[in-house]
Each structure stands twice: as C-alpha cells, then as structure tokens.
Amino acid sequence: MTPGGGCASGAVIREWSNRVVAEYASSAYAAEYAGLLLRAGASPDLVETALHVAQDELRHARRSAEVHAVAGGTQLPDVEPDALRLPASSELLDDLIMATVRVFCFSETIAVRLFRLLRSGATVPIAIDVLDEILRDEPTHAALG
C-alpha cells in the first residue's frame, strides 16, 4: 500500500484479506467460548470478558476490511460457516479446555507477535492506526487463556 492508499501489492491485499477473515473467526470463537463459559457456570465477569473479546474481534475485522479496501482490495473471501465453530465433543469441560488452549493460550498469544511484526513494517496511516488498535486489545485477549 502506498502512504496515500490504493495500489498496494497483491501480497499486502491478501494479508489484509486474511486479517479480516481471521478476526471475524476470532469473534465467532470468542462468542462461542462465552457460551461454553455460561454452560460451565463461570463467573459473570469471565463471561462478560469473553463477550467483550468477541466485540473487539468483530471491530478488528471491520477495521481490517477498511485497510483492505484502501489498499485496493475489492472482494473478501467467503467464509465457510463450519470454519467459524470451535471443535466440539460430547464433554463440556473438554471443549472448554481445548478452546482455552487453542484460541486464547496459543492463537491470541501468537497474534500479538504477528501484529507487532506487521506494525514494524507499516507505513500507511490507516494500517498503522488499525494495527495499533489491535495491539492494544490483543494482550487482554491472550490473558483470557
């Protein structure tokens, strides 16, 4: 993406497209995780934190779509509905543990490093703003694990 926007490389457009999909999926995972927490009898504060994470991730997806469009992206990929679900078993506690480890211990922790790397190379104001916003939120998301 050029500092004024538009005409970014295909790699930049693809990365922001991937960011939109990943953030959207993270929102779905966090919302489903809140439901698991409710079913497991978790504290209201913990459930509210998971719902707040879902809202953050949805906002990140929307903001990433803005960067995608400014970069020159014209179409985002379709997301398979099954890709927006956490793996499930017949055991609530197993599902809760797997979701905690998969989404919050690993994915959100790795995401912080990825976004720091992306931010270090960012030169376009909207991309910098979006990455800074995401970086402010991600440590709280990782702490949920």
Protein backbone atom coordinates (compact mmCIF):
# COMPACT_ATOMS: atom_id res chain seq x y z
CA MET A 1 0.00 0.00 0.00
CA THR A 2 1.32 3.43 -0.78
CA PRO A 3 1.26 6.04 2.01
CA GLY A 4 -1.69 7.73 0.30
CA GLY A 5 -3.55 4.43 -0.10
CA GLY A 6 -4.58 2.46 -3.20
CA CYS A 7 -2.49 0.26 -5.49
CA ALA A 8 -0.85 -1.94 -2.89
CA SER A 9 0.88 -5.18 -3.85
CA GLY A 10 -1.15 -8.34 -4.15
CA ALA A 11 0.64 -9.67 -1.06
CA VAL A 12 -0.49 -6.69 1.03
CA ILE A 13 -4.09 -7.00 -0.17
CA ARG A 14 -4.07 -10.76 0.53
CA GLU A 15 -2.66 -10.22 4.03
CA TRP A 16 -5.38 -7.73 4.92
CA SER A 17 -7.96 -10.08 3.44
CA ASN A 18 -6.56 -12.83 5.66
CA ARG A 19 -6.69 -10.45 8.64
CA VAL A 20 -10.39 -9.78 8.04
CA VAL A 21 -11.19 -13.50 7.93
CA ALA A 22 -9.02 -14.32 10.95
CA GLU A 23 -10.50 -11.53 13.06
CA TYR A 24 -14.04 -12.48 12.05
CA ALA A 25 -13.34 -16.11 13.01
CA SER A 26 -11.82 -15.00 16.31
CA SER A 27 -15.02 -13.09 17.06
CA ALA A 28 -17.09 -16.21 16.41
CA TYR A 29 -14.76 -18.30 18.60
CA ALA A 30 -14.91 -15.83 21.47
CA ALA A 31 -18.71 -15.65 21.29
CA GLU A 32 -18.95 -19.44 21.31
CA TYR A 33 -16.44 -19.55 24.16
CA ALA A 34 -18.69 -17.21 26.18
CA GLY A 35 -21.49 -19.74 25.69
CA LEU A 36 -19.25 -22.56 26.91
CA LEU A 37 -18.36 -20.49 29.96
CA LEU A 38 -22.04 -19.86 30.69
CA ARG A 39 -22.85 -23.55 30.40
CA ALA A 40 -19.94 -24.38 32.72
CA GLY A 41 -21.16 -21.94 35.36
CA ALA A 42 -18.28 -19.49 35.05
CA SER A 43 -18.44 -16.12 36.75
CA PRO A 44 -20.38 -13.35 35.05
CA ASP A 45 -17.17 -11.29 34.87
CA LEU A 46 -15.42 -14.02 32.89
CA VAL A 47 -18.37 -14.42 30.52
CA GLU A 48 -18.51 -10.65 30.01
CA THR A 49 -14.78 -10.60 29.24
CA ALA A 50 -15.25 -13.27 26.56
CA LEU A 51 -18.14 -11.28 25.06
CA HIS A 52 -16.01 -8.13 25.11
CA VAL A 53 -13.29 -10.03 23.24
CA ALA A 54 -15.88 -11.11 20.65
CA GLN A 55 -16.87 -7.46 20.15
CA ASP A 56 -13.21 -6.39 19.89
CA GLU A 57 -12.50 -9.04 17.27
CA LEU A 58 -15.53 -8.02 15.22
CA ARG A 59 -14.32 -4.41 15.34
CA HIS A 60 -10.85 -5.59 14.27
CA ALA A 61 -12.42 -7.40 11.30
CA ARG A 62 -14.32 -4.28 10.28
CA ARG A 63 -11.23 -2.08 10.62
CA SER A 64 -9.09 -4.60 8.71
CA ALA A 65 -11.68 -4.53 5.92
CA GLU A 66 -11.23 -0.76 5.77
CA VAL A 67 -7.48 -1.19 5.28
CA HIS A 68 -8.10 -3.93 2.69
CA ALA A 69 -10.30 -1.53 0.73
CA VAL A 70 -7.85 1.39 0.99
CA ALA A 71 -5.11 -0.95 -0.25
CA GLY A 72 -7.17 -1.63 -3.36
CA GLY A 73 -8.86 -4.87 -2.34
CA THR A 74 -12.23 -5.25 -3.96
CA GLN A 75 -13.57 -8.54 -2.66
CA LEU A 76 -13.18 -10.51 0.54
CA PRO A 77 -13.31 -14.30 0.51
CA ASP A 78 -16.39 -16.17 1.59
CA VAL A 79 -16.02 -17.82 4.97
CA GLU A 80 -17.30 -21.35 5.43
CA PRO A 81 -19.74 -21.43 8.38
CA ASP A 82 -18.02 -24.51 9.81
CA ALA A 83 -14.76 -22.55 9.98
CA LEU A 84 -16.46 -20.26 12.50
CA ARG A 85 -17.09 -23.01 15.04
CA LEU A 86 -14.85 -24.37 17.73
CA PRO A 87 -14.26 -28.11 17.62
CA ALA A 88 -16.80 -29.84 19.84
CA SER A 89 -17.02 -33.11 21.68
CA SER A 90 -19.66 -34.52 23.98
CA GLU A 91 -17.85 -33.20 27.06
CA LEU A 92 -18.33 -29.56 28.04
CA LEU A 93 -15.17 -29.41 30.18
CA ASP A 94 -13.05 -30.91 27.38
CA ASP A 95 -14.46 -28.36 24.92
CA LEU A 96 -13.79 -25.51 27.34
CA ILE A 97 -10.19 -26.61 27.96
CA MET A 98 -9.48 -27.13 24.25
CA ALA A 99 -10.95 -23.75 23.35
CA THR A 100 -8.97 -22.03 26.10
CA VAL A 101 -5.70 -23.59 24.96
CA ARG A 102 -6.31 -23.33 21.21
CA VAL A 103 -7.79 -19.85 20.99
CA PHE A 104 -6.53 -17.91 23.97
CA CYS A 105 -3.27 -19.57 25.05
CA PHE A 106 -1.91 -20.16 21.54
CA SER A 107 -3.70 -18.17 18.84
CA GLU A 108 -4.07 -14.88 20.69
CA THR A 109 -0.52 -15.09 22.06
CA ILE A 110 0.91 -15.74 18.59
CA ALA A 111 -1.28 -12.97 17.17
CA VAL A 112 0.48 -10.40 19.36
CA ARG A 113 3.82 -11.31 17.78
CA LEU A 114 2.34 -11.29 14.26
CA PHE A 115 0.76 -7.86 14.74
CA ARG A 116 4.00 -6.45 16.17
CA LEU A 117 5.81 -7.68 13.07
CA LEU A 118 3.17 -6.22 10.74
CA ARG A 119 3.23 -2.95 12.67
CA SER A 120 7.03 -2.68 12.44
CA GLY A 121 6.78 -2.57 8.64
CA ALA A 122 3.64 -0.46 8.34
CA THR A 123 3.95 2.95 6.66
CA VAL A 124 0.36 3.82 5.77
CA PRO A 125 -1.54 5.81 8.42
CA ILE A 126 -4.75 3.72 8.39
CA ALA A 127 -2.77 0.48 8.63
CA ILE A 128 -0.71 1.90 11.50
CA ASP A 129 -3.88 3.02 13.31
CA VAL A 130 -5.59 -0.36 12.89
CA LEU A 131 -2.52 -2.34 13.95
CA ASP A 132 -2.02 -0.09 16.99
CA GLU A 133 -5.68 -0.61 17.94
CA ILE A 134 -5.37 -4.37 17.60
CA LEU A 135 -2.11 -4.41 19.57
CA ARG A 136 -3.79 -2.53 22.43
CA ASP A 137 -6.53 -5.19 22.60
CA GLU A 138 -4.68 -8.47 21.98
CA PRO A 139 -2.83 -8.84 25.31
CA THR A 140 -6.18 -8.74 27.13
CA HIS A 141 -7.49 -11.42 24.77
CA ALA A 142 -4.46 -13.63 25.38
CA ALA A 143 -4.88 -13.16 29.15
CA LEU A 144 -8.30 -14.81 28.92
CA GLY A 145 -6.39 -18.07 28.46
